[in-house]
N, C-alpha and C. Protein backbone atom coordinates (compact mmCIF):
# COMPACT_ATOMS: atom_id res chain seq x y z
N MET A 1 111.56 59.40 74.78
CA MET A 1 112.35 60.53 74.37
C MET A 1 113.64 60.08 73.68
N ALA A 2 114.22 58.98 74.19
CA ALA A 2 115.47 58.49 73.61
C ALA A 2 115.25 57.97 72.19
N ASP A 3 114.09 57.34 71.94
CA ASP A 3 113.79 56.85 70.60
C ASP A 3 113.65 58.01 69.62
N PHE A 4 113.04 59.09 70.09
CA PHE A 4 112.87 60.25 69.23
C PHE A 4 114.22 60.84 68.83
N LEU A 5 115.13 60.93 69.77
CA LEU A 5 116.46 61.49 69.47
C LEU A 5 117.27 60.57 68.57
N ALA A 6 117.13 59.28 68.79
CA ALA A 6 117.84 58.32 67.95
C ALA A 6 117.32 58.38 66.51
N GLU A 7 116.02 58.48 66.34
CA GLU A 7 115.43 58.58 65.00
C GLU A 7 115.87 59.87 64.32
N LYS A 8 115.89 60.96 65.08
CA LYS A 8 116.30 62.24 64.52
C LYS A 8 117.77 62.19 64.08
N LYS A 9 118.61 61.50 64.87
CA LYS A 9 120.02 61.36 64.52
C LYS A 9 120.18 60.51 63.25
N LYS A 10 119.38 59.44 63.13
CA LYS A 10 119.43 58.60 61.92
C LYS A 10 118.99 59.40 60.70
N GLN A 11 117.96 60.22 60.86
CA GLN A 11 117.48 61.03 59.75
C GLN A 11 118.54 62.05 59.32
N LYS A 12 119.26 62.59 60.32
CA LYS A 12 120.30 63.56 60.01
C LYS A 12 121.39 62.91 59.15
N TYR A 13 121.81 61.69 59.51
CA TYR A 13 122.82 60.97 58.72
C TYR A 13 122.28 60.60 57.34
N LEU A 14 121.01 60.26 57.27
CA LEU A 14 120.41 59.91 55.99
C LEU A 14 120.36 61.13 55.07
N ILE A 15 120.04 62.27 55.62
CA ILE A 15 120.01 63.49 54.82
C ILE A 15 121.40 63.80 54.29
N TRP A 16 122.44 63.68 55.11
CA TRP A 16 123.80 63.93 54.66
C TRP A 16 124.21 62.93 53.57
N LEU A 17 123.76 61.70 53.72
CA LEU A 17 124.08 60.68 52.71
C LEU A 17 123.41 61.01 51.38
N VAL A 18 122.16 61.43 51.43
CA VAL A 18 121.44 61.78 50.20
C VAL A 18 122.09 62.99 49.54
N VAL A 19 122.49 63.98 50.34
CA VAL A 19 123.16 65.16 49.79
C VAL A 19 124.48 64.76 49.14
N PHE A 20 125.24 63.88 49.78
CA PHE A 20 126.50 63.42 49.21
C PHE A 20 126.30 62.69 47.89
N VAL A 21 125.28 61.84 47.83
CA VAL A 21 125.01 61.09 46.60
C VAL A 21 124.60 62.05 45.48
N ILE A 22 123.81 63.05 45.79
CA ILE A 22 123.39 64.02 44.78
C ILE A 22 124.59 64.82 44.28
N ILE A 23 125.45 65.25 45.18
CA ILE A 23 126.64 66.01 44.77
C ILE A 23 127.57 65.14 43.93
N ALA A 24 127.76 63.89 44.32
CA ALA A 24 128.62 62.98 43.55
C ALA A 24 128.04 62.74 42.16
N THR A 25 126.72 62.61 42.06
CA THR A 25 126.08 62.40 40.76
C THR A 25 126.25 63.61 39.87
N VAL A 26 126.08 64.81 40.44
CA VAL A 26 126.26 66.04 39.66
C VAL A 26 127.70 66.16 39.16
N ILE A 27 128.66 65.84 40.00
CA ILE A 27 130.07 65.92 39.59
C ILE A 27 130.37 64.91 38.49
N ILE A 28 129.87 63.72 38.63
CA ILE A 28 130.12 62.69 37.60
C ILE A 28 129.48 63.09 36.29
N LEU A 29 128.24 63.59 36.34
CA LEU A 29 127.59 64.02 35.11
C LEU A 29 128.32 65.21 34.49
N TRP A 30 128.78 66.14 35.31
CA TRP A 30 129.47 67.31 34.79
C TRP A 30 130.75 66.91 34.07
N TYR A 31 131.57 66.09 34.71
CA TYR A 31 132.84 65.70 34.09
C TYR A 31 132.67 64.64 33.01
N GLY A 32 131.62 63.86 33.07
CA GLY A 32 131.46 62.79 32.10
C GLY A 32 130.74 63.20 30.83
N PHE A 33 129.75 64.09 30.96
CA PHE A 33 128.91 64.38 29.79
C PHE A 33 129.04 65.82 29.30
N PHE A 34 129.05 66.76 30.21
CA PHE A 34 128.91 68.14 29.80
C PHE A 34 130.24 68.86 29.58
N ARG A 35 131.31 68.32 30.02
CA ARG A 35 132.61 68.97 29.89
C ARG A 35 133.26 68.61 28.57
N ASP A 36 133.75 69.60 27.83
CA ASP A 36 134.48 69.42 26.58
C ASP A 36 133.70 68.61 25.55
N GLN A 37 132.48 69.04 25.28
CA GLN A 37 131.70 68.32 24.28
C GLN A 37 132.18 68.62 22.86
N GLY A 38 132.92 69.70 22.66
CA GLY A 38 133.39 70.05 21.33
C GLY A 38 134.44 69.09 20.81
N GLN A 39 135.13 68.41 21.68
CA GLN A 39 136.19 67.50 21.26
C GLN A 39 135.62 66.11 21.06
N THR A 40 135.85 65.55 19.89
CA THR A 40 135.45 64.17 19.64
C THR A 40 136.69 63.37 19.27
N VAL A 41 136.76 62.17 19.76
CA VAL A 41 137.89 61.31 19.49
C VAL A 41 137.47 60.29 18.44
N VAL A 42 138.20 60.25 17.35
CA VAL A 42 137.92 59.30 16.28
C VAL A 42 139.08 58.32 16.21
N ALA A 43 138.79 57.07 16.39
CA ALA A 43 139.83 56.05 16.34
C ALA A 43 140.06 55.63 14.89
N GLU A 44 141.31 55.53 14.53
CA GLU A 44 141.65 55.10 13.19
C GLU A 44 141.72 53.58 13.15
N PRO A 45 141.18 52.96 12.12
CA PRO A 45 141.23 51.50 12.05
C PRO A 45 142.65 51.01 11.80
N VAL A 46 142.97 49.89 12.39
CA VAL A 46 144.30 49.29 12.22
C VAL A 46 144.14 48.10 11.28
N LEU A 47 144.90 48.11 10.21
CA LEU A 47 144.84 47.03 9.24
C LEU A 47 145.96 46.04 9.52
N ILE A 48 145.61 44.77 9.61
CA ILE A 48 146.59 43.72 9.83
C ILE A 48 146.98 43.17 8.46
N GLU A 49 148.25 43.21 8.20
CA GLU A 49 148.72 42.78 6.89
C GLU A 49 148.60 41.27 6.69
N GLU A 50 149.11 40.50 7.63
CA GLU A 50 149.13 39.05 7.43
C GLU A 50 148.97 38.36 8.78
N ILE A 51 148.19 37.31 8.79
CA ILE A 51 148.00 36.51 9.99
C ILE A 51 148.72 35.19 9.81
N THR A 52 149.58 34.85 10.75
CA THR A 52 150.28 33.57 10.67
C THR A 52 149.91 32.73 11.88
N ILE A 53 149.74 31.45 11.65
CA ILE A 53 149.38 30.52 12.71
C ILE A 53 150.57 29.59 12.93
N ASN A 54 150.96 29.44 14.19
CA ASN A 54 152.10 28.60 14.53
C ASN A 54 151.57 27.20 14.86
N PHE A 55 151.69 26.26 13.92
CA PHE A 55 151.21 24.90 14.13
C PHE A 55 152.21 24.04 14.89
N GLU A 56 153.40 24.54 15.13
CA GLU A 56 154.40 23.77 15.88
C GLU A 56 153.97 23.56 17.32
N LEU A 57 153.10 24.39 17.81
CA LEU A 57 152.59 24.26 19.18
C LEU A 57 151.84 22.94 19.35
N LEU A 58 151.17 22.48 18.30
CA LEU A 58 150.40 21.25 18.38
C LEU A 58 151.27 20.00 18.44
N GLU A 59 152.55 20.13 18.15
CA GLU A 59 153.45 18.99 18.20
C GLU A 59 154.10 18.83 19.57
N ASN A 60 153.63 19.56 20.56
CA ASN A 60 154.17 19.51 21.91
C ASN A 60 153.84 18.16 22.55
N GLU A 61 154.68 17.71 23.49
CA GLU A 61 154.49 16.41 24.16
C GLU A 61 153.23 16.38 25.01
N ILE A 62 152.81 17.51 25.49
CA ILE A 62 151.61 17.56 26.34
C ILE A 62 150.39 17.08 25.57
N PHE A 63 150.30 17.40 24.30
CA PHE A 63 149.15 17.00 23.51
C PHE A 63 149.14 15.51 23.19
N ASP A 64 150.30 14.85 23.29
CA ASP A 64 150.35 13.41 23.02
C ASP A 64 149.65 12.62 24.13
N ASP A 65 149.61 13.14 25.33
CA ASP A 65 148.97 12.46 26.45
C ASP A 65 147.45 12.59 26.45
N LEU A 66 146.91 13.45 25.65
CA LEU A 66 145.46 13.65 25.63
C LEU A 66 144.77 12.47 24.97
N LYS A 67 143.59 12.14 25.49
CA LYS A 67 142.82 11.03 24.93
C LYS A 67 141.61 11.58 24.20
N ILE A 68 141.12 10.82 23.25
CA ILE A 68 139.95 11.22 22.49
C ILE A 68 138.72 11.13 23.40
N PHE A 69 137.86 12.12 23.32
CA PHE A 69 136.66 12.14 24.14
C PHE A 69 135.72 11.03 23.69
N GLU A 70 135.31 10.21 24.63
CA GLU A 70 134.42 9.10 24.30
C GLU A 70 133.00 9.61 24.19
N LYS A 71 132.25 8.99 23.30
CA LYS A 71 130.86 9.38 23.12
C LYS A 71 130.08 8.95 24.36
N SER A 72 129.23 9.82 24.85
CA SER A 72 128.45 9.50 26.04
C SER A 72 127.38 8.47 25.69
N PRO A 73 127.10 7.56 26.60
CA PRO A 73 126.11 6.53 26.30
C PRO A 73 124.72 7.13 26.15
N SER A 74 123.91 6.48 25.34
CA SER A 74 122.55 6.97 25.15
C SER A 74 121.73 6.70 26.40
N PHE A 75 120.62 7.41 26.53
CA PHE A 75 119.76 7.30 27.70
C PHE A 75 119.04 5.96 27.67
N GLU A 76 119.10 5.26 28.79
CA GLU A 76 118.41 3.97 28.88
C GLU A 76 117.24 4.13 29.85
N GLY A 77 116.12 3.62 29.48
CA GLY A 77 114.95 3.70 30.35
C GLY A 77 113.82 4.44 29.65
N GLU A 78 112.75 4.66 30.40
CA GLU A 78 111.58 5.33 29.83
C GLU A 78 111.78 6.84 29.81
N THR A 79 111.33 7.43 28.75
CA THR A 79 111.34 8.89 28.68
C THR A 79 109.99 9.41 29.19
N GLY A 80 109.88 10.70 29.37
CA GLY A 80 108.67 11.30 29.91
C GLY A 80 107.59 11.41 28.85
N ARG A 81 106.64 12.29 29.12
CA ARG A 81 105.51 12.49 28.21
C ARG A 81 105.97 13.17 26.92
N SER A 82 105.20 12.99 25.86
CA SER A 82 105.56 13.62 24.61
C SER A 82 105.38 15.14 24.70
N ASN A 83 104.37 15.59 25.45
CA ASN A 83 104.17 17.02 25.68
C ASN A 83 104.15 17.25 27.19
N PRO A 84 105.21 17.76 27.78
CA PRO A 84 105.27 17.91 29.23
C PRO A 84 104.38 19.03 29.77
N PHE A 85 103.82 19.85 28.88
CA PHE A 85 103.00 20.96 29.34
C PHE A 85 101.52 20.60 29.51
N LEU A 86 101.15 19.44 29.06
CA LEU A 86 99.78 18.99 29.26
C LEU A 86 99.64 18.44 30.67
N PRO A 87 98.47 18.66 31.30
CA PRO A 87 98.30 18.15 32.67
C PRO A 87 98.18 16.63 32.72
């Protein structure tokens, strides 16, 4: 008898959860899609007149400490099959 009541209580909470999710979905759809469809927002393009690059940043002392990336050594040893998909 206790299992039956516990299951019924779980189902009651599940039903309330489903009802809440359905109501939330309807509200989101109403405010997101169906409300004020007559108004459309058109963004105006912004034109940039001139782009300037500040190269003085590259003369900073921090960049003097950087080292050139060394080339990684080539693979030594045997390679696998020419076609790895063949059995």
